[in-house]
Amino acid sequence: MASPARRNPRELEAPAPALRLTDDLLADILIRLPALADLGRPSAVCPTFRRVIASHSFLRRFRALHPSPLLGTLSGQCGPDFLPA
């Protein structure tokens, strides 16, 4: 039976290259969350996430991609009647 291949100890100790998470990359990831209410949990994770989420440019992009749902309309024919959508 063949013995398992031996690895060089230096290969095992070499650290993996670090991923540089820039604000732009983080914003592109967070913009894919489905609703505005889903931004609360990542905002509580760390100050960097909160800074990106609270920026005006991010919130403007998020609202453009995820408009508020239409809940209904008001009809004023015989008093204020709410017509759900």
PDB file of N, CA and C in Angstrom:
ATOM      1  N   MET A   1       0.842  -1.173   0.000  1.00  0.00           N
ATOM      2  CA  MET A   1       0.000   0.000   0.000  1.00  0.00           C
ATOM      3  C   MET A   1       0.887   1.235   0.000  1.00  0.00           C
ATOM      4  N   ALA A   2       0.529   2.207  -0.800  1.00  0.00           N
ATOM      5  CA  ALA A   2       1.348   3.406  -0.935  1.00  0.00           C
ATOM      6  C   ALA A   2       1.126   4.325   0.262  1.00  0.00           C
ATOM      7  N   SER A   3       2.176   4.948   0.707  1.00  0.00           N
ATOM      8  CA  SER A   3       2.058   5.887   1.823  1.00  0.00           C
ATOM      9  C   SER A   3       1.528   7.221   1.316  1.00  0.00           C
ATOM     10  N   PRO A   4       0.812   7.944   2.161  1.00  0.00           N
ATOM     11  CA  PRO A   4       0.284   9.248   1.722  1.00  0.00           C
ATOM     12  C   PRO A   4       1.424  10.214   1.426  1.00  0.00           C
ATOM     13  N   ALA A   5       1.181  11.070   0.479  1.00  0.00           N
ATOM     14  CA  ALA A   5       2.209  12.039   0.080  1.00  0.00           C
ATOM     15  C   ALA A   5       2.505  12.975   1.235  1.00  0.00           C
ATOM     16  N   ARG A   6       3.772  13.227   1.453  1.00  0.00           N
ATOM     17  CA  ARG A   6       4.177  14.126   2.529  1.00  0.00           C
ATOM     18  C   ARG A   6       4.289  15.538   1.970  1.00  0.00           C
ATOM     19  N   ARG A   7       3.854  16.488   2.749  1.00  0.00           N
ATOM     20  CA  ARG A   7       3.924  17.890   2.340  1.00  0.00           C
ATOM     21  C   ARG A   7       5.063  18.586   3.060  1.00  0.00           C
ATOM     22  N   ASN A   8       5.529  19.585   2.431  1.00  0.00           N
ATOM     23  CA  ASN A   8       6.572  20.411   3.010  1.00  0.00           C
ATOM     24  C   ASN A   8       5.976  21.189   4.183  1.00  0.00           C
ATOM     25  N   PRO A   9       6.597  21.211   5.370  1.00  0.00           N
ATOM     26  CA  PRO A   9       6.045  21.958   6.509  1.00  0.00           C
ATOM     27  C   PRO A   9       5.864  23.445   6.226  1.00  0.00           C
ATOM     28  N   ARG A  10       6.680  24.003   5.360  1.00  0.00           N
ATOM     29  CA  ARG A  10       6.521  25.427   5.028  1.00  0.00           C
ATOM     30  C   ARG A  10       5.225  25.694   4.275  1.00  0.00           C
ATOM     31  N   GLU A  11       4.782  24.732   3.478  1.00  0.00           N
ATOM     32  CA  GLU A  11       3.513  24.899   2.755  1.00  0.00           C
ATOM     33  C   GLU A  11       2.340  24.928   3.719  1.00  0.00           C
ATOM     34  N   LEU A  12       2.415  24.147   4.783  1.00  0.00           N
ATOM     35  CA  LEU A  12       1.331  24.106   5.757  1.00  0.00           C
ATOM     36  C   LEU A  12       1.267  25.380   6.586  1.00  0.00           C
ATOM     37  N   GLU A  13       2.395  26.028   6.803  1.00  0.00           N
ATOM     38  CA  GLU A  13       2.443  27.213   7.648  1.00  0.00           C
ATOM     39  C   GLU A  13       2.164  28.506   6.893  1.00  0.00           C
ATOM     40  N   ALA A  14       2.196  28.465   5.583  1.00  0.00           N
ATOM     41  CA  ALA A  14       2.003  29.686   4.800  1.00  0.00           C
ATOM     42  C   ALA A  14       0.575  30.181   4.965  1.00  0.00           C
ATOM     43  N   PRO A  15       0.401  31.426   5.392  1.00  0.00           N
ATOM     44  CA  PRO A  15      -0.965  31.945   5.563  1.00  0.00           C
ATOM     45  C   PRO A  15      -1.621  32.225   4.208  1.00  0.00           C
ATOM     46  N   ALA A  16      -2.914  32.092   4.187  1.00  0.00           N
ATOM     47  CA  ALA A  16      -3.667  32.416   2.982  1.00  0.00           C
ATOM     48  C   ALA A  16      -3.636  33.925   2.774  1.00  0.00           C
ATOM     49  N   PRO A  17      -3.635  34.364   1.525  1.00  0.00           N
ATOM     50  CA  PRO A  17      -3.640  35.811   1.293  1.00  0.00           C
ATOM     51  C   PRO A  17      -4.905  36.441   1.846  1.00  0.00           C
ATOM     52  N   ALA A  18      -4.756  37.586   2.470  1.00  0.00           N
ATOM     53  CA  ALA A  18      -5.892  38.268   3.092  1.00  0.00           C
ATOM     54  C   ALA A  18      -6.767  38.920   2.029  1.00  0.00           C
ATOM     55  N   LEU A  19      -8.071  38.820   2.216  1.00  0.00           N
ATOM     56  CA  LEU A  19      -9.024  39.470   1.318  1.00  0.00           C
ATOM     57  C   LEU A  19      -9.231  40.888   1.796  1.00  0.00           C
ATOM     58  N   ARG A  20      -9.024  41.837   0.925  1.00  0.00           N
ATOM     59  CA  ARG A  20      -9.173  43.244   1.271  1.00  0.00           C
ATOM     60  C   ARG A  20     -10.612  43.656   0.982  1.00  0.00           C
ATOM     61  N   LEU A  21     -11.400  43.861   2.026  1.00  0.00           N
ATOM     62  CA  LEU A  21     -12.810  44.218   1.892  1.00  0.00           C
ATOM     63  C   LEU A  21     -12.941  45.739   1.927  1.00  0.00           C
ATOM     64  N   THR A  22     -13.012  46.350   0.767  1.00  0.00           N
ATOM     65  CA  THR A  22     -13.130  47.802   0.683  1.00  0.00           C
ATOM     66  C   THR A  22     -14.579  48.209   0.910  1.00  0.00           C
ATOM     67  N   ASP A  23     -14.787  49.489   1.132  1.00  0.00           N
ATOM     68  CA  ASP A  23     -16.150  49.999   1.344  1.00  0.00           C
ATOM     69  C   ASP A  23     -17.023  49.778   0.119  1.00  0.00           C
ATOM     70  N   ASP A  24     -16.433  49.921  -1.081  1.00  0.00           N
ATOM     71  CA  ASP A  24     -17.214  49.718  -2.303  1.00  0.00           C
ATOM     72  C   ASP A  24     -17.649  48.262  -2.449  1.00  0.00           C
ATOM     73  N   LEU A  25     -16.747  47.346  -2.145  1.00  0.00           N
ATOM     74  CA  LEU A  25     -17.083  45.932  -2.224  1.00  0.00           C
ATOM     75  C   LEU A  25     -18.134  45.566  -1.174  1.00  0.00           C
ATOM     76  N   LEU A  26     -17.985  46.096   0.017  1.00  0.00           N
ATOM     77  CA  LEU A  26     -18.951  45.849   1.085  1.00  0.00           C
ATOM     78  C   LEU A  26     -20.327  46.398   0.709  1.00  0.00           C
ATOM     79  N   ALA A  27     -20.365  47.577   0.122  1.00  0.00           N
ATOM     80  CA  ALA A  27     -21.641  48.163  -0.304  1.00  0.00           C
ATOM     81  C   ALA A  27     -22.290  47.307  -1.383  1.00  0.00           C
ATOM     82  N   ASP A  28     -21.489  46.773  -2.314  1.00  0.00           N
ATOM     83  CA  ASP A  28     -22.046  45.910  -3.355  1.00  0.00           C
ATOM     84  C   ASP A  28     -22.620  44.622  -2.780  1.00  0.00           C
ATOM     85  N   ILE A  29     -22.047  44.134  -1.705  1.00  0.00           N
ATOM     86  CA  ILE A  29     -22.572  42.932  -1.057  1.00  0.00           C
ATOM     87  C   ILE A  29     -23.867  43.257  -0.315  1.00  0.00           C
ATOM     88  N   LEU A  30     -23.857  44.339   0.455  1.00  0.00           N
ATOM     89  CA  LEU A  30     -25.021  44.694   1.275  1.00  0.00           C
ATOM     90  C   LEU A  30     -26.206  45.170   0.445  1.00  0.00           C
ATOM     91  N   ILE A  31     -25.962  45.697  -0.745  1.00  0.00           N
ATOM     92  CA  ILE A  31     -27.046  46.215  -1.582  1.00  0.00           C
ATOM     93  C   ILE A  31     -27.953  45.070  -2.043  1.00  0.00           C
ATOM     94  N   ARG A  32     -27.476  43.842  -1.971  1.00  0.00           N
ATOM     95  CA  ARG A  32     -28.243  42.685  -2.417  1.00  0.00           C
ATOM     96  C   ARG A  32     -29.196  42.143  -1.349  1.00  0.00           C
ATOM     97  N   LEU A  33     -29.186  42.711  -0.162  1.00  0.00           N
ATOM     98  CA  LEU A  33     -30.153  42.293   0.855  1.00  0.00           C
ATOM     99  C   LEU A  33     -31.548  42.675   0.392  1.00  0.00           C
ATOM    100  N   PRO A  34     -32.551  41.845   0.684  1.00  0.00           N
ATOM    101  CA  PRO A  34     -33.872  42.052   0.078  1.00  0.00           C
ATOM    102  C   PRO A  34     -34.671  43.250   0.590  1.00  0.00           C
ATOM    103  N   ALA A  35     -34.510  43.657   1.831  1.00  0.00           N
ATOM    104  CA  ALA A  35     -35.360  44.727   2.359  1.00  0.00           C
ATOM    105  C   ALA A  35     -34.550  45.650   3.260  1.00  0.00           C
ATOM    106  N   LEU A  36     -35.065  46.851   3.439  1.00  0.00           N
ATOM    107  CA  LEU A  36     -34.394  47.839   4.286  1.00  0.00           C
ATOM    108  C   LEU A  36     -34.296  47.350   5.725  1.00  0.00           C
ATOM    109  N   ALA A  37     -35.283  46.605   6.192  1.00  0.00           N
ATOM    110  CA  ALA A  37     -35.259  46.081   7.559  1.00  0.00           C
ATOM    111  C   ALA A  37     -34.128  45.073   7.765  1.00  0.00           C
ATOM    112  N   ASP A  38     -33.655  44.446   6.692  1.00  0.00           N
ATOM    113  CA  ASP A  38     -32.573  43.466   6.795  1.00  0.00           C
ATOM    114  C   ASP A  38     -31.206  44.108   6.995  1.00  0.00           C
ATOM    115  N   LEU A  39     -31.108  45.413   6.927  1.00  0.00           N
ATOM    116  CA  LEU A  39     -29.827  46.095   7.130  1.00  0.00           C
ATOM    117  C   LEU A  39     -29.514  46.309   8.603  1.00  0.00           C
ATOM    118  N   GLY A  40     -30.459  46.055   9.486  1.00  0.00           N
ATOM    119  CA  GLY A  40     -30.240  46.258  10.919  1.00  0.00           C
ATOM    120  C   GLY A  40     -29.200  45.340  11.507  1.00  0.00           C
ATOM    121  N   ARG A  41     -29.244  44.082  11.143  1.00  0.00           N
ATOM    122  CA  ARG A  41     -28.303  43.105  11.704  1.00  0.00           C
ATOM    123  C   ARG A  41     -26.869  43.369  11.242  1.00  0.00           C
ATOM    124  N   PRO A  42     -26.606  43.570   9.939  1.00  0.00           N
ATOM    125  CA  PRO A  42     -25.219  43.885   9.559  1.00  0.00           C
ATOM    126  C   PRO A  42     -24.750  45.217  10.138  1.00  0.00           C
ATOM    127  N   SER A  43     -25.661  46.144  10.341  1.00  0.00           N
ATOM    128  CA  SER A  43     -25.287  47.426  10.925  1.00  0.00           C
ATOM    129  C   SER A  43     -24.798  47.266  12.357  1.00  0.00           C
ATOM    130  N   ALA A  44     -25.286  46.251  13.052  1.00  0.00           N
ATOM    131  CA  ALA A  44     -24.875  46.007  14.434  1.00  0.00           C
ATOM    132  C   ALA A  44     -23.593  45.190  14.536  1.00  0.00           C
ATOM    133  N   VAL A  45     -23.100  44.671  13.416  1.00  0.00           N
ATOM    134  CA  VAL A  45     -21.915  43.812  13.442  1.00  0.00           C
ATOM    135  C   VAL A  45     -20.658  44.585  13.799  1.00  0.00           C
ATOM    136  N   CYS A  46     -20.410  45.665  13.091  1.00  0.00           N
ATOM    137  CA  CYS A  46     -19.187  46.426  13.361  1.00  0.00           C
ATOM    138  C   CYS A  46     -19.361  47.863  12.863  1.00  0.00           C
ATOM    139  N   PRO A  47     -18.518  48.758  13.333  1.00  0.00           N
ATOM    140  CA  PRO A  47     -18.629  50.167  12.929  1.00  0.00           C
ATOM    141  C   PRO A  47     -18.415  50.391  11.433  1.00  0.00           C
ATOM    142  N   THR A  48     -17.603  49.563  10.791  1.00  0.00           N
ATOM    143  CA  THR A  48     -17.379  49.725   9.358  1.00  0.00           C
ATOM    144  C   THR A  48     -18.661  49.442   8.578  1.00  0.00           C
ATOM    145  N   PHE A  49     -19.361  48.367   8.929  1.00  0.00           N
ATOM    146  CA  PHE A  49     -20.620  48.048   8.260  1.00  0.00           C
ATOM    147  C   PHE A  49     -21.636  49.166   8.490  1.00  0.00           C
ATOM    148  N   ARG A  50     -21.705  49.664   9.709  1.00  0.00           N
ATOM    149  CA  ARG A  50     -22.656  50.733  10.041  1.00  0.00           C
ATOM    150  C   ARG A  50     -22.343  51.999   9.248  1.00  0.00           C
ATOM    151  N   ARG A  51     -21.039  52.327   9.111  1.00  0.00           N
ATOM    152  CA  ARG A  51     -20.660  53.520   8.363  1.00  0.00           C
ATOM    153  C   ARG A  51     -21.087  53.396   6.903  1.00  0.00           C
ATOM    154  N   VAL A  52     -20.879  52.217   6.301  1.00  0.00           N
ATOM    155  CA  VAL A  52     -21.255  52.014   4.902  1.00  0.00           C
ATOM    156  C   VAL A  52     -22.769  52.079   4.739  1.00  0.00           C
ATOM    157  N   ILE A  53     -23.511  51.422   5.638  1.00  0.00           N
ATOM    158  CA  ILE A  53     -24.976  51.391   5.536  1.00  0.00           C
ATOM    159  C   ILE A  53     -25.581  52.764   5.779  1.00  0.00           C
ATOM    160  N   ALA A  54     -25.003  53.546   6.678  1.00  0.00           N
ATOM    161  CA  ALA A  54     -25.570  54.853   7.018  1.00  0.00           C
ATOM    162  C   ALA A  54     -25.209  55.945   6.018  1.00  0.00           C
ATOM    163  N   SER A  55     -24.324  55.661   5.082  1.00  0.00           N
ATOM    164  CA  SER A  55     -23.934  56.700   4.124  1.00  0.00           C
ATOM    165  C   SER A  55     -25.115  57.030   3.206  1.00  0.00           C
ATOM    166  N   HIS A  56     -25.216  58.274   2.843  1.00  0.00           N
ATOM    167  CA  HIS A  56     -26.332  58.735   2.001  1.00  0.00           C
ATOM    168  C   HIS A  56     -26.295  58.083   0.626  1.00  0.00           C
ATOM    169  N   SER A  57     -25.101  57.888   0.083  1.00  0.00           N
ATOM    170  CA  SER A  57     -25.010  57.290  -1.255  1.00  0.00           C
ATOM    171  C   SER A  57     -25.494  55.845  -1.246  1.00  0.00           C
ATOM    172  N   PHE A  58     -25.159  55.083  -0.190  1.00  0.00           N
ATOM    173  CA  PHE A  58     -25.617  53.697  -0.114  1.00  0.00           C
ATOM    174  C   PHE A  58     -27.132  53.638   0.034  1.00  0.00           C
ATOM    175  N   LEU A  59     -27.687  54.446   0.937  1.00  0.00           N
ATOM    176  CA  LEU A  59     -29.136  54.426   1.143  1.00  0.00           C
ATOM    177  C   LEU A  59     -29.885  54.874  -0.102  1.00  0.00           C
ATOM    178  N   ARG A  60     -29.332  55.818  -0.842  1.00  0.00           N
ATOM    179  CA  ARG A  60     -29.958  56.272  -2.083  1.00  0.00           C
ATOM    180  C   ARG A  60     -29.974  55.132  -3.117  1.00  0.00           C
ATOM    181  N   ARG A  61     -28.841  54.415  -3.253  1.00  0.00           N
ATOM    182  CA  ARG A  61     -28.776  53.276  -4.171  1.00  0.00           C
ATOM    183  C   ARG A  61     -29.713  52.158  -3.735  1.00  0.00           C
ATOM    184  N   PHE A  62     -29.780  51.906  -2.424  1.00  0.00           N
ATOM    185  CA  PHE A  62     -30.628  50.825  -1.913  1.00  0.00           C
ATOM    186  C   PHE A  62     -32.091  51.124  -2.187  1.00  0.00           C
ATOM    187  N   ARG A  63     -32.512  52.353  -1.946  1.00  0.00           N
ATOM    188  CA  ARG A  63     -33.923  52.715  -2.179  1.00  0.00           C
ATOM    189  C   ARG A  63     -34.270  52.715  -3.660  1.00  0.00           C
ATOM    190  N   ALA A  64     -33.288  53.006  -4.517  1.00  0.00           N
ATOM    191  CA  ALA A  64     -33.539  52.963  -5.959  1.00  0.00           C
ATOM    192  C   ALA A  64     -33.738  51.523  -6.435  1.00  0.00           C
ATOM    193  N   LEU A  65     -32.996  50.584  -5.843  1.00  0.00           N
ATOM    194  CA  LEU A  65     -33.122  49.178  -6.239  1.00  0.00           C
ATOM    195  C   LEU A  65     -34.282  48.468  -5.552  1.00  0.00           C
ATOM    196  N   HIS A  66     -34.636  48.917  -4.347  1.00  0.00           N
ATOM    197  CA  HIS A  66     -35.698  48.280  -3.566  1.00  0.00           C
ATOM    198  C   HIS A  66     -36.742  49.325  -3.177  1.00  0.00           C
ATOM    199  N   PRO A  67     -37.638  49.696  -4.104  1.00  0.00           N
ATOM    200  CA  PRO A  67     -38.642  50.712  -3.762  1.00  0.00           C
ATOM    201  C   PRO A  67     -39.621  50.190  -2.711  1.00  0.00           C
ATOM    202  N   SER A  68     -40.214  51.104  -1.979  1.00  0.00           N
ATOM    203  CA  SER A  68     -41.198  50.729  -0.963  1.00  0.00           C
ATOM    204  C   SER A  68     -42.414  50.115  -1.643  1.00  0.00           C
ATOM    205  N   PRO A  69     -42.986  49.072  -1.056  1.00  0.00           N
ATOM    206  CA  PRO A  69     -44.163  48.452  -1.674  1.00  0.00           C
ATOM    207  C   PRO A  69     -45.386  49.353  -1.535  1.00  0.00           C
ATOM    208  N   LEU A  70     -46.253  49.305  -2.513  1.00  0.00           N
ATOM    209  CA  LEU A  70     -47.502  50.056  -2.469  1.00  0.00           C
ATOM    210  C   LEU A  70     -48.483  49.286  -1.600  1.00  0.00           C
ATOM    211  N   LEU A  71     -48.883  49.882  -0.491  1.00  0.00           N
ATOM    212  CA  LEU A  71     -49.773  49.202   0.442  1.00  0.00           C
ATOM    213  C   LEU A  71     -51.236  49.383   0.080  1.00  0.00           C
ATOM    214  N   GLY A  72     -51.567  50.446  -0.600  1.00  0.00           N
ATOM    215  CA  GLY A  72     -52.950  50.699  -0.977  1.00  0.00           C
ATOM    216  C   GLY A  72     -53.125  52.157  -1.353  1.00  0.00           C
ATOM    217  N   THR A  73     -54.354  52.549  -1.603  1.00  0.00           N
ATOM    218  CA  THR A  73     -54.669  53.933  -1.954  1.00  0.00           C
ATOM    219  C   THR A  73     -55.824  54.424  -1.105  1.00  0.00           C
ATOM    220  N   LEU A  74     -55.926  55.734  -1.007  1.00  0.00           N
ATOM    221  CA  LEU A  74     -57.046  56.353  -0.301  1.00  0.00           C
ATOM    222  C   LEU A  74     -58.063  56.827  -1.323  1.00  0.00           C
ATOM    223  N   SER A  75     -59.317  56.501  -1.084  1.00  0.00           N
ATOM    224  CA  SER A  75     -60.396  56.924  -1.960  1.00  0.00           C
ATOM    225  C   SER A  75     -61.277  57.885  -1.172  1.00  0.00           C
ATOM    226  N   GLY A  76     -61.506  59.063  -1.690  1.00  0.00           N
ATOM    227  CA  GLY A  76     -62.278  60.063  -0.973  1.00  0.00           C
ATOM    228  C   GLY A  76     -63.692  60.223  -1.477  1.00  0.00           C
ATOM    229  N   GLN A  77     -64.288  59.172  -2.023  1.00  0.00           N
ATOM    230  CA  GLN A  77     -65.620  59.304  -2.598  1.00  0.00           C
ATOM    231  C   GLN A  77     -66.678  59.475  -1.511  1.00  0.00           C
ATOM    232  N   CYS A  78     -66.772  58.597  -0.572  1.00  0.00           N
ATOM    233  CA  CYS A  78     -67.740  58.693   0.520  1.00  0.00           C
ATOM    234  C   CYS A  78     -66.983  58.661   1.844  1.00  0.00           C
ATOM    235  N   GLY A  79     -66.159  59.614   2.052  1.00  0.00           N
ATOM    236  CA  GLY A  79     -65.312  59.615   3.236  1.00  0.00           C
ATOM    237  C   GLY A  79     -63.991  58.935   2.902  1.00  0.00           C
ATOM    238  N   PRO A  80     -63.041  58.989   3.809  1.00  0.00           N
ATOM    239  CA  PRO A  80     -61.743  58.387   3.517  1.00  0.00           C
ATOM    240  C   PRO A  80     -61.806  56.852   3.604  1.00  0.00           C
ATOM    241  N   ASP A  81     -61.765  56.213   2.469  1.00  0.00           N
ATOM    242  CA  ASP A  81     -61.738  54.752   2.405  1.00  0.00           C
ATOM    243  C   ASP A  81     -60.368  54.295   1.949  1.00  0.00           C
ATOM    244  N   PHE A  82     -59.849  53.279   2.629  1.00  0.00           N
ATOM    245  CA  PHE A  82     -58.549  52.717   2.262  1.00  0.00           C
ATOM    246  C   PHE A  82     -58.773  51.492   1.388  1.00  0.00           C
ATOM    247  N   LEU A  83     -58.191  51.475   0.221  1.00  0.00           N
ATOM    248  CA  LEU A  83     -58.300  50.347  -0.693  1.00  0.00           C
ATOM    249  C   LEU A  83     -56.959  49.634  -0.747  1.00  0.00           C
ATOM    250  N   PRO A  84     -56.836  48.475  -0.098  1.00  0.00           N
ATOM    251  CA  PRO A  84     -55.547  47.787  -0.107  1.00  0.00           C
ATOM    252  C   PRO A  84     -55.191  47.300  -1.506  1.00  0.00           C
ATOM    253  N   ALA A  85     -53.913  47.266  -1.782  1.00  0.00           N
ATOM    254  CA  ALA A  85     -53.444  46.802  -3.109  1.00  0.00           C
ATOM    255  C   ALA A  85     -53.404  45.306  -3.162  1.00  0.00           C
TER     256      ALA A  85
END
